[in-house]
Protein backbone atom coordinates (compact mmCIF):
# COMPACT_ATOMS: atom_id res chain seq x y z
CA UNK A 1 -5.53 -9.52 -2.47
CA UNK A 2 -6.15 -13.10 -3.46
CA UNK A 3 -3.87 -15.19 -1.22
CA UNK A 4 -3.64 -17.98 -3.78
CA UNK A 5 -2.56 -15.64 -6.54
CA UNK A 6 -4.37 -14.56 -9.67
CA UNK A 7 -6.33 -17.04 -11.74
CA UNK A 8 -5.47 -17.76 -15.37
CA UNK A 9 -7.98 -15.25 -16.70
CA UNK A 10 -6.78 -12.59 -14.26
CA UNK A 11 -3.21 -13.16 -15.42
CA UNK A 12 -4.34 -12.91 -19.05
CA UNK A 13 -6.10 -9.61 -18.35
CA UNK A 14 -3.03 -8.26 -16.54
CA UNK A 15 -0.72 -9.35 -19.35
CA UNK A 16 -3.02 -7.66 -21.87
CA UNK A 17 -2.99 -4.44 -19.83
CA UNK A 18 0.81 -4.64 -19.42
CA UNK A 19 1.25 -5.06 -23.16
CA UNK A 20 -1.10 -2.15 -23.90
CA UNK A 21 0.87 0.09 -21.55
CA UNK A 22 4.17 -1.04 -23.08
CA UNK A 23 2.83 -0.30 -26.57
CA UNK A 24 1.72 3.21 -25.60
CA UNK A 25 4.65 4.22 -23.34
CA UNK A 26 7.68 2.89 -25.17
CA UNK A 27 7.76 -0.15 -22.89
CA UNK A 28 8.29 1.58 -19.57
CA UNK A 29 6.35 1.31 -16.35
CA UNK A 30 7.26 4.16 -14.01
CA UNK A 31 6.30 4.64 -10.39
CA UNK A 32 6.89 7.68 -8.22
CA UNK A 33 8.73 6.89 -5.00
CA UNK A 34 6.46 7.67 -2.05
CA UNK A 35 9.32 9.14 0.02
CA UNK A 36 11.33 11.23 -2.42
CA UNK A 37 9.04 11.76 -5.40
CA UNK A 38 11.70 10.37 -7.77
CA UNK A 39 10.51 8.24 -10.68
CA UNK A 40 11.80 4.70 -11.07
CA UNK A 41 11.26 1.76 -13.38
CA UNK A 42 8.88 -0.90 -12.07
CA UNK A 43 9.90 -4.56 -12.12
CA UNK A 44 7.60 -7.08 -13.86
CA UNK A 45 6.55 -8.48 -10.45
CA UNK A 46 5.65 -5.00 -9.21
CA UNK A 47 3.72 -4.38 -12.44
CA UNK A 48 1.48 -7.35 -11.71
CA UNK A 49 0.98 -6.24 -8.10
CA UNK A 50 0.14 -2.66 -9.12
CA UNK A 51 -2.23 -3.77 -11.85
CA UNK A 52 -3.93 -6.13 -9.42
CA UNK A 53 -4.40 -3.30 -6.91
CA UNK A 54 -5.79 -0.96 -9.57
CA UNK A 55 -8.18 -3.62 -10.85
CA UNK A 56 -9.42 -4.27 -7.30
CA UNK A 57 -10.01 -0.55 -6.74
CA UNK A 58 -11.72 -0.25 -10.14
CA UNK A 59 -14.02 -3.18 -9.39
CA UNK A 60 -14.74 -1.64 -5.98
CA UNK A 61 -15.61 1.61 -7.77
CA UNK A 62 -17.91 -0.24 -10.16
CA UNK A 63 -19.67 -2.02 -7.30
CA UNK A 64 -20.06 1.27 -5.42
CA UNK A 65 -21.59 2.93 -8.49
CA UNK A 66 -24.13 0.12 -8.69
CA UNK A 67 -25.02 0.55 -4.98
CA UNK A 68 -26.00 4.18 -4.93
CA UNK A 69 -22.71 5.80 -5.87
CA UNK A 70 -21.15 5.99 -2.41
CA UNK A 71 -17.42 5.24 -2.38
CA UNK A 72 -16.59 1.80 -1.04
CA UNK A 73 -14.68 1.32 2.20
CA UNK A 74 -11.66 0.24 0.14
CA UNK A 75 -11.77 3.43 -1.92
CA UNK A 76 -12.13 5.57 1.19
CA UNK A 77 -9.16 3.87 2.85
CA UNK A 78 -7.02 4.29 -0.26
CA UNK A 79 -7.91 7.98 -0.52
CA UNK A 80 -7.19 8.66 3.16
CA UNK A 81 -3.85 6.83 3.08
CA UNK A 82 -2.80 8.79 -0.02
CA UNK A 83 -3.72 12.05 1.73
CA UNK A 84 -1.80 11.09 4.86
CA UNK A 85 1.29 10.15 2.84
CA UNK A 86 1.11 13.51 1.03
CA UNK A 87 0.72 15.30 4.35
CA UNK A 88 3.81 13.63 5.79
CA UNK A 89 5.80 14.25 2.59
CA UNK A 90 4.89 17.89 1.96
CA UNK A 91 4.00 19.45 5.31
CA UNK A 92 7.21 21.28 6.13
CA UNK A 93 6.52 21.23 9.88
CA UNK A 94 6.41 17.43 10.06
CA UNK A 95 8.51 16.31 7.13
CA UNK A 96 11.80 15.84 8.97
CA UNK A 97 10.49 14.37 12.20
CA UNK A 98 11.20 10.74 13.05
CA UNK A 99 7.47 10.08 13.34
CA UNK A 100 6.83 11.43 9.84
CA UNK A 101 9.62 9.37 8.28
CA UNK A 102 8.39 6.19 9.94
CA UNK A 103 4.70 6.92 9.43
CA UNK A 104 5.01 7.40 5.69
CA UNK A 105 6.68 3.98 5.38
CA UNK A 106 4.03 2.29 7.52
CA UNK A 107 1.23 3.95 5.55
CA UNK A 108 2.78 2.85 2.26
CA UNK A 109 3.08 -0.74 3.51
CA UNK A 110 -0.51 -0.66 4.75
CA UNK A 111 -1.67 0.50 1.33
CA UNK A 112 0.16 -2.42 -0.31
CA UNK A 113 -1.91 -4.89 1.72
CA UNK A 114 -5.12 -4.20 -0.16
């Protein structure tokens, strides 16, 4: 993420995307909770953060396609973290262990950093 925050044109792009989503989804942004699977409304601040993350991954995908089609390191990390979160959530042998409950939170927080 950009430590200084998004530039004016990045904010304009994000606002345009937010408005497009609002227009096509009756104004709601929903996000599935990584622990329970429940859906919840996303705050405007979270919307900007999520859009920023998706734009970064999309640009990483575009750059990877231009460099031989191999997934970027960022894409590979995102995919592996998502798989690990799913494993901790849905693997019945590990789901209720203390390690699984703590690991899924740490993985989610790690994913939010990029």
